[in-house]
């Protein structure tokens, strides 16, 4: 098994890690409901489940 010959210095390690950044997720606006959501994912509006601008599960009916 390979073993490092020398300790990696703090500056070398930190230079490698400079590209590891947190970035804000991309968001989409639904043309049907106007809700802001992540693309290619289901989202809820007033208890109803939508995907791709289409109503998938309707929870607006009241159960008596």
N, C-alpha and C. Protein backbone atom coordinates (compact mmCIF):
# COMPACT_ATOMS: atom_id res chain seq x y z
N UNK A 1 0.84 -1.17 0.00
CA UNK A 1 0.00 0.00 0.00
C UNK A 1 0.89 1.25 0.00
N UNK A 2 0.49 2.25 -0.78
CA UNK A 2 1.30 3.46 -0.90
C UNK A 2 1.17 4.32 0.36
N UNK A 3 2.30 4.87 0.79
CA UNK A 3 2.34 5.72 1.96
C UNK A 3 3.04 7.02 1.57
N UNK A 4 2.54 8.19 2.00
CA UNK A 4 3.21 9.45 1.64
C UNK A 4 4.62 9.51 2.20
N UNK A 5 5.54 10.02 1.38
CA UNK A 5 6.93 10.11 1.82
C UNK A 5 7.13 11.30 2.76
N UNK A 6 6.38 12.38 2.54
CA UNK A 6 6.48 13.57 3.37
C UNK A 6 5.09 14.06 3.77
N UNK A 7 5.04 14.79 4.88
CA UNK A 7 3.78 15.38 5.32
C UNK A 7 3.38 16.48 4.35
N UNK A 8 2.09 16.52 4.02
CA UNK A 8 1.58 17.59 3.16
C UNK A 8 1.46 18.86 3.99
N UNK A 9 2.09 19.94 3.51
CA UNK A 9 2.10 21.18 4.28
C UNK A 9 0.71 21.82 4.32
N UNK A 10 0.51 22.72 5.27
CA UNK A 10 -0.78 23.38 5.40
C UNK A 10 -1.11 24.22 4.18
N UNK A 11 -0.10 24.88 3.62
CA UNK A 11 -0.36 25.72 2.45
C UNK A 11 -0.71 24.88 1.22
N UNK A 12 -0.04 23.76 1.04
CA UNK A 12 -0.36 22.86 -0.08
C UNK A 12 -1.77 22.30 0.06
N UNK A 13 -2.11 21.87 1.28
CA UNK A 13 -3.44 21.34 1.55
C UNK A 13 -4.51 22.41 1.31
N UNK A 14 -4.28 23.63 1.79
CA UNK A 14 -5.26 24.70 1.64
C UNK A 14 -5.40 25.16 0.20
N UNK A 15 -4.32 25.13 -0.57
CA UNK A 15 -4.41 25.48 -1.99
C UNK A 15 -5.26 24.47 -2.75
N UNK A 16 -5.18 23.23 -2.36
CA UNK A 16 -6.00 22.19 -2.99
C UNK A 16 -7.48 22.39 -2.66
N UNK A 17 -7.75 22.86 -1.45
CA UNK A 17 -9.14 23.00 -0.99
C UNK A 17 -9.79 24.31 -1.41
N UNK A 18 -9.10 25.19 -2.10
CA UNK A 18 -9.68 26.49 -2.47
C UNK A 18 -10.87 26.33 -3.41
N UNK A 19 -10.95 25.26 -4.13
CA UNK A 19 -12.02 25.07 -5.10
C UNK A 19 -13.25 24.41 -4.50
N UNK A 20 -13.19 24.00 -3.23
CA UNK A 20 -14.34 23.38 -2.57
C UNK A 20 -15.20 24.50 -2.01
N UNK A 21 -16.21 24.90 -2.74
CA UNK A 21 -17.04 26.02 -2.32
C UNK A 21 -18.49 25.60 -2.27
N UNK A 22 -19.21 26.19 -1.35
CA UNK A 22 -20.66 25.99 -1.31
C UNK A 22 -21.28 26.97 -2.30
N UNK A 23 -22.20 26.49 -3.11
CA UNK A 23 -22.85 27.39 -4.06
C UNK A 23 -24.36 27.34 -3.86
N UNK A 24 -25.01 28.42 -4.19
CA UNK A 24 -26.45 28.51 -4.02
C UNK A 24 -27.13 27.60 -5.04
N UNK A 25 -28.21 26.91 -4.63
CA UNK A 25 -28.89 26.02 -5.57
C UNK A 25 -29.63 26.83 -6.64
N UNK A 26 -29.74 26.26 -7.84
CA UNK A 26 -30.49 26.91 -8.90
C UNK A 26 -31.97 26.75 -8.62
N UNK A 27 -32.74 27.77 -8.92
CA UNK A 27 -34.16 27.76 -8.64
C UNK A 27 -34.94 28.05 -9.92
N UNK A 28 -36.15 27.52 -9.99
CA UNK A 28 -37.05 27.73 -11.11
C UNK A 28 -38.36 28.30 -10.59
N UNK A 29 -39.08 28.97 -11.48
CA UNK A 29 -40.39 29.49 -11.14
C UNK A 29 -41.42 28.74 -11.97
N UNK A 30 -42.42 28.18 -11.29
CA UNK A 30 -43.45 27.40 -11.96
C UNK A 30 -44.38 28.36 -12.70
N UNK A 31 -44.65 28.08 -13.96
CA UNK A 31 -45.56 28.89 -14.74
C UNK A 31 -47.01 28.68 -14.35
N UNK A 32 -47.31 27.53 -13.77
CA UNK A 32 -48.68 27.20 -13.38
C UNK A 32 -49.05 27.84 -12.04
N UNK A 33 -48.18 27.69 -11.04
CA UNK A 33 -48.50 28.16 -9.69
C UNK A 33 -47.72 29.40 -9.28
N UNK A 34 -46.62 29.69 -9.94
CA UNK A 34 -45.77 30.82 -9.57
C UNK A 34 -44.87 30.52 -8.40
N UNK A 35 -44.79 29.26 -8.00
CA UNK A 35 -43.96 28.87 -6.86
C UNK A 35 -42.50 28.77 -7.28
N UNK A 36 -41.61 29.11 -6.36
CA UNK A 36 -40.17 28.98 -6.59
C UNK A 36 -39.76 27.62 -6.05
N UNK A 37 -39.07 26.83 -6.88
CA UNK A 37 -38.68 25.48 -6.49
C UNK A 37 -37.42 25.08 -7.21
N UNK A 38 -36.81 23.97 -6.77
CA UNK A 38 -35.63 23.43 -7.45
C UNK A 38 -36.07 22.68 -8.68
N UNK A 39 -35.34 22.80 -9.79
CA UNK A 39 -35.77 22.14 -11.02
C UNK A 39 -35.68 20.61 -10.92
N UNK A 40 -36.55 19.93 -11.63
CA UNK A 40 -36.60 18.47 -11.71
C UNK A 40 -36.90 17.82 -10.37
N UNK A 41 -37.67 18.52 -9.52
CA UNK A 41 -38.06 17.96 -8.23
C UNK A 41 -39.52 18.32 -7.96
N UNK A 42 -40.19 17.46 -7.24
CA UNK A 42 -41.58 17.72 -6.87
C UNK A 42 -41.60 18.78 -5.77
N UNK A 43 -42.67 19.58 -5.73
CA UNK A 43 -42.79 20.63 -4.74
C UNK A 43 -44.25 20.78 -4.34
N UNK A 44 -44.47 21.34 -3.14
CA UNK A 44 -45.82 21.48 -2.62
C UNK A 44 -46.25 22.94 -2.65
N UNK A 45 -47.52 23.14 -2.94
CA UNK A 45 -48.15 24.46 -2.89
C UNK A 45 -49.51 24.26 -2.23
N UNK A 46 -49.70 24.85 -1.07
CA UNK A 46 -50.96 24.74 -0.31
C UNK A 46 -51.35 23.29 -0.07
N UNK A 47 -50.40 22.44 0.20
CA UNK A 47 -50.67 21.04 0.51
C UNK A 47 -50.81 20.15 -0.72
N UNK A 48 -50.80 20.72 -1.92
CA UNK A 48 -50.89 19.93 -3.15
C UNK A 48 -49.49 19.68 -3.70
N UNK A 49 -49.27 18.52 -4.26
CA UNK A 49 -47.97 18.14 -4.78
C UNK A 49 -47.94 18.37 -6.29
N UNK A 50 -46.94 19.12 -6.77
CA UNK A 50 -46.79 19.42 -8.18
C UNK A 50 -45.45 18.88 -8.67
N UNK A 51 -45.41 18.52 -9.93
CA UNK A 51 -44.15 18.16 -10.60
C UNK A 51 -44.28 18.56 -12.05
N UNK A 52 -43.29 19.29 -12.54
CA UNK A 52 -43.25 19.72 -13.94
C UNK A 52 -44.49 20.54 -14.30
N UNK A 53 -44.99 21.33 -13.37
CA UNK A 53 -46.14 22.19 -13.61
C UNK A 53 -47.47 21.47 -13.60
N UNK A 54 -47.48 20.19 -13.26
CA UNK A 54 -48.72 19.41 -13.26
C UNK A 54 -49.05 18.97 -11.84
N UNK A 55 -50.34 18.96 -11.54
CA UNK A 55 -50.81 18.53 -10.22
C UNK A 55 -50.71 17.02 -10.13
N UNK A 56 -49.96 16.53 -9.16
CA UNK A 56 -49.77 15.09 -8.99
C UNK A 56 -50.71 14.56 -7.91
N UNK A 57 -50.69 15.17 -6.73
CA UNK A 57 -51.53 14.74 -5.63
C UNK A 57 -52.34 15.94 -5.15
N UNK A 58 -53.65 15.82 -5.16
CA UNK A 58 -54.54 16.91 -4.74
C UNK A 58 -55.00 16.65 -3.30
N UNK A 59 -54.53 17.48 -2.38
CA UNK A 59 -54.90 17.34 -0.97
C UNK A 59 -55.84 18.44 -0.53
N UNK A 60 -56.46 19.15 -1.46
CA UNK A 60 -57.32 20.26 -1.09
C UNK A 60 -58.73 19.79 -0.69
N UNK A 61 -59.07 18.53 -0.98
CA UNK A 61 -60.39 18.02 -0.60
C UNK A 61 -60.46 17.82 0.90
N UNK A 62 -61.57 18.24 1.50
CA UNK A 62 -61.73 18.09 2.95
C UNK A 62 -62.38 16.73 3.25
N UNK A 63 -61.85 16.07 4.26
CA UNK A 63 -62.39 14.78 4.68
C UNK A 63 -63.35 15.02 5.83
N UNK A 64 -64.58 14.51 5.70
CA UNK A 64 -65.59 14.74 6.73
C UNK A 64 -65.66 13.54 7.66
